[in-house]
Structure formats: structure tokens, C-alpha cells
C-alpha atoms as a PDB file:
ATOM      1  CA  MET A   1     -69.620 -39.414 -81.872  1.00  0.00           C
ATOM      2  CA  ARG A   2     -69.910 -36.333 -84.014  1.00  0.00           C
ATOM      3  CA  GLU A   3     -69.672 -35.637 -87.735  1.00  0.00           C
ATOM      4  CA  ILE A   4     -67.222 -32.788 -88.325  1.00  0.00           C
ATOM      5  CA  ALA A   5     -66.279 -31.688 -91.833  1.00  0.00           C
ATOM      6  CA  GLY A   6     -67.413 -35.045 -93.213  1.00  0.00           C
ATOM      7  CA  GLU A   7     -65.357 -37.040 -90.690  1.00  0.00           C
ATOM      8  CA  SER A   8     -66.663 -39.194 -87.836  1.00  0.00           C
ATOM      9  CA  VAL A   9     -64.902 -38.281 -84.601  1.00  0.00           C
ATOM     10  CA  LEU A  10     -65.209 -39.034 -80.915  1.00  0.00           C
ATOM     11  CA  VAL A  11     -65.198 -35.949 -78.745  1.00  0.00           C
ATOM     12  CA  SER A  12     -64.927 -36.229 -75.000  1.00  0.00           C
ATOM     13  CA  VAL A  13     -67.731 -34.533 -73.054  1.00  0.00           C
ATOM     14  CA  GLY A  14     -68.743 -34.198 -69.424  1.00  0.00           C
ATOM     15  CA  ASN A  15     -66.409 -35.734 -66.848  1.00  0.00           C
ATOM     16  CA  GLY A  16     -64.365 -37.356 -69.605  1.00  0.00           C
ATOM     17  CA  VAL A  17     -62.914 -34.001 -70.676  1.00  0.00           C
ATOM     18  CA  ALA A  18     -60.574 -33.982 -67.676  1.00  0.00           C
ATOM     19  CA  ASP A  19     -59.174 -37.408 -68.588  1.00  0.00           C
ATOM     20  CA  PHE A  20     -58.878 -36.973 -72.350  1.00  0.00           C
ATOM     21  CA  CYS A  21     -57.953 -33.948 -74.407  1.00  0.00           C
ATOM     22  CA  GLY A  22     -58.572 -34.021 -78.115  1.00  0.00           C
ATOM     23  CA  ILE A  23     -60.552 -36.118 -80.522  1.00  0.00           C
ATOM     24  CA  VAL A  24     -60.333 -39.575 -82.064  1.00  0.00           C
ATOM     25  CA  LYS A  25     -60.961 -39.769 -85.802  1.00  0.00           C
ATOM     26  CA  LEU A  26     -62.862 -42.926 -86.719  1.00  0.00           C
ATOM     27  CA  ASN A  27     -62.316 -44.948 -89.858  1.00  0.00           C
ATOM     28  CA  ASP A  28     -65.260 -46.870 -91.325  1.00  0.00           C
ATOM     29  CA  SER A  29     -64.735 -50.002 -89.216  1.00  0.00           C
ATOM     30  CA  ALA A  30     -64.269 -48.009 -86.000  1.00  0.00           C
ATOM     31  CA  LYS A  31     -67.514 -46.158 -86.755  1.00  0.00           C
ATOM     32  CA  VAL A  32     -69.380 -49.480 -87.020  1.00  0.00           C
ATOM     33  CA  ILE A  33     -67.784 -50.640 -83.758  1.00  0.00           C
ATOM     34  CA  TRP A  34     -68.615 -47.408 -81.901  1.00  0.00           C
ATOM     35  CA  SER A  35     -72.211 -47.459 -83.122  1.00  0.00           C
ATOM     36  CA  ALA A  36     -72.623 -51.077 -81.990  1.00  0.00           C
ATOM     37  CA  LEU A  37     -71.098 -50.282 -78.596  1.00  0.00           C
ATOM     38  CA  GLN A  38     -73.756 -47.626 -78.043  1.00  0.00           C
ATOM     39  CA  ASN A  39     -76.369 -50.388 -78.007  1.00  0.00           C
ATOM     40  CA  GLY A  40     -74.370 -52.757 -75.811  1.00  0.00           C
ATOM     41  CA  THR A  41     -72.731 -55.685 -77.542  1.00  0.00           C
ATOM     42  CA  THR A  42     -70.207 -58.461 -77.134  1.00  0.00           C
ATOM     43  CA  GLN A  43     -66.831 -58.728 -78.836  1.00  0.00           C
ATOM     44  CA  GLU A  44     -68.164 -61.579 -80.974  1.00  0.00           C
ATOM     45  CA  GLU A  45     -71.111 -59.433 -82.086  1.00  0.00           C
ATOM     46  CA  LEU A  46     -68.690 -56.642 -83.006  1.00  0.00           C
ATOM     47  CA  ILE A  47     -66.679 -59.084 -85.112  1.00  0.00           C
ATOM     48  CA  GLN A  48     -69.810 -60.285 -86.891  1.00  0.00           C
ATOM     49  CA  ALA A  49     -70.906 -56.688 -87.527  1.00  0.00           C
ATOM     50  CA  LEU A  50     -67.619 -56.031 -89.350  1.00  0.00           C
ATOM     51  CA  VAL A  51     -67.810 -59.310 -91.274  1.00  0.00           C
ATOM     52  CA  ASN A  52     -71.369 -58.516 -92.387  1.00  0.00           C
ATOM     53  CA  THR A  53     -70.700 -54.860 -93.214  1.00  0.00           C
ATOM     54  CA  PHE A  54     -67.377 -55.155 -95.026  1.00  0.00           C
ATOM     55  CA  HIS A  55     -67.395 -58.811 -96.172  1.00  0.00           C
ATOM     56  CA  ILE A  56     -63.994 -59.499 -94.596  1.00  0.00           C
ATOM     57  CA  THR A  57     -62.715 -62.612 -92.871  1.00  0.00           C
ATOM     58  CA  GLU A  58     -63.461 -63.220 -89.215  1.00  0.00           C
ATOM     59  CA  ASN A  59     -59.727 -63.112 -88.512  1.00  0.00           C
ATOM     60  CA  GLN A  60     -59.375 -59.626 -90.027  1.00  0.00           C
ATOM     61  CA  ALA A  61     -62.501 -58.437 -88.239  1.00  0.00           C
ATOM     62  CA  LYS A  62     -61.190 -59.769 -84.924  1.00  0.00           C
ATOM     63  CA  MET A  63     -57.893 -57.916 -85.377  1.00  0.00           C
ATOM     64  CA  ASP A  64     -59.793 -54.689 -86.150  1.00  0.00           C
ATOM     65  CA  VAL A  65     -62.083 -55.113 -83.137  1.00  0.00           C
ATOM     66  CA  VAL A  66     -59.231 -55.869 -80.734  1.00  0.00           C
ATOM     67  CA  GLN A  67     -57.193 -52.900 -81.975  1.00  0.00           C
ATOM     68  CA  SER A  68     -60.166 -50.525 -81.749  1.00  0.00           C
ATOM     69  CA  LEU A  69     -61.190 -51.691 -78.282  1.00  0.00           C
ATOM     70  CA  GLU A  70     -57.611 -51.368 -76.993  1.00  0.00           C
ATOM     71  CA  LEU A  71     -57.441 -47.778 -78.227  1.00  0.00           C
ATOM     72  CA  LEU A  72     -60.787 -46.869 -76.691  1.00  0.00           C
ATOM     73  CA  LEU A  73     -59.918 -48.575 -73.401  1.00  0.00           C
ATOM     74  CA  ASN A  74     -56.503 -46.907 -73.206  1.00  0.00           C
ATOM     75  CA  LYS A  75     -58.096 -43.500 -73.744  1.00  0.00           C
ATOM     76  CA  ARG A  76     -60.762 -44.373 -71.134  1.00  0.00           C
ATOM     77  CA  MET A  77     -63.531 -43.767 -73.643  1.00  0.00           C
ATOM     78  CA  ILE A  78     -65.111 -47.150 -72.842  1.00  0.00           C
ATOM     79  CA  THR A  79     -65.099 -49.614 -69.960  1.00  0.00           C
ATOM     80  CA  CYS A  80     -65.463 -53.389 -70.050  1.00  0.00           C
ATOM     81  CA  GLU A  81     -68.009 -55.282 -68.038  1.00  0.00           C
END
């Protein structure tokens, strides 16, 4: 993750450059998710991080987490274990 012109973006580096061209601009919730993923976390912990940070319902947080993870998985920016 990089800060470019006041925006948080994911930029592919290393071997990932061949698989993904471009950048992904992160909104505030995606930034929280990406930061938590850097430390290793579960989907439930990601949901709780959004609930605690933005004071939203668990249902809304779950939808945000699922959508963000699907995007990152489809772009091969993360893997699931």
C-alpha cells in the first residue's frame, strides 16, 4: 500500500507485476482491511475491525469485507489459507 496524492492505493510489485497491471484505489474501509491483512487475520476479525472503526452493523461490515476480499482475490493480490 502506498499513499499517492493523498489517496491510499495498492501497487503491484515484484512477481505480481506480471499478473496485475495498474493500481487499486482503497476507500477507508478497504484501507482498514488491507492493514489488518498485513498482520494476518481472520474474516471475523476483519468484520470486527470495521465495526469498531466505523461503528456500523456487523451485517454491513460483513458485506464490505466479502466485497473487498473478492476483489483482492480476483486480482490475485491476496491468497486464502
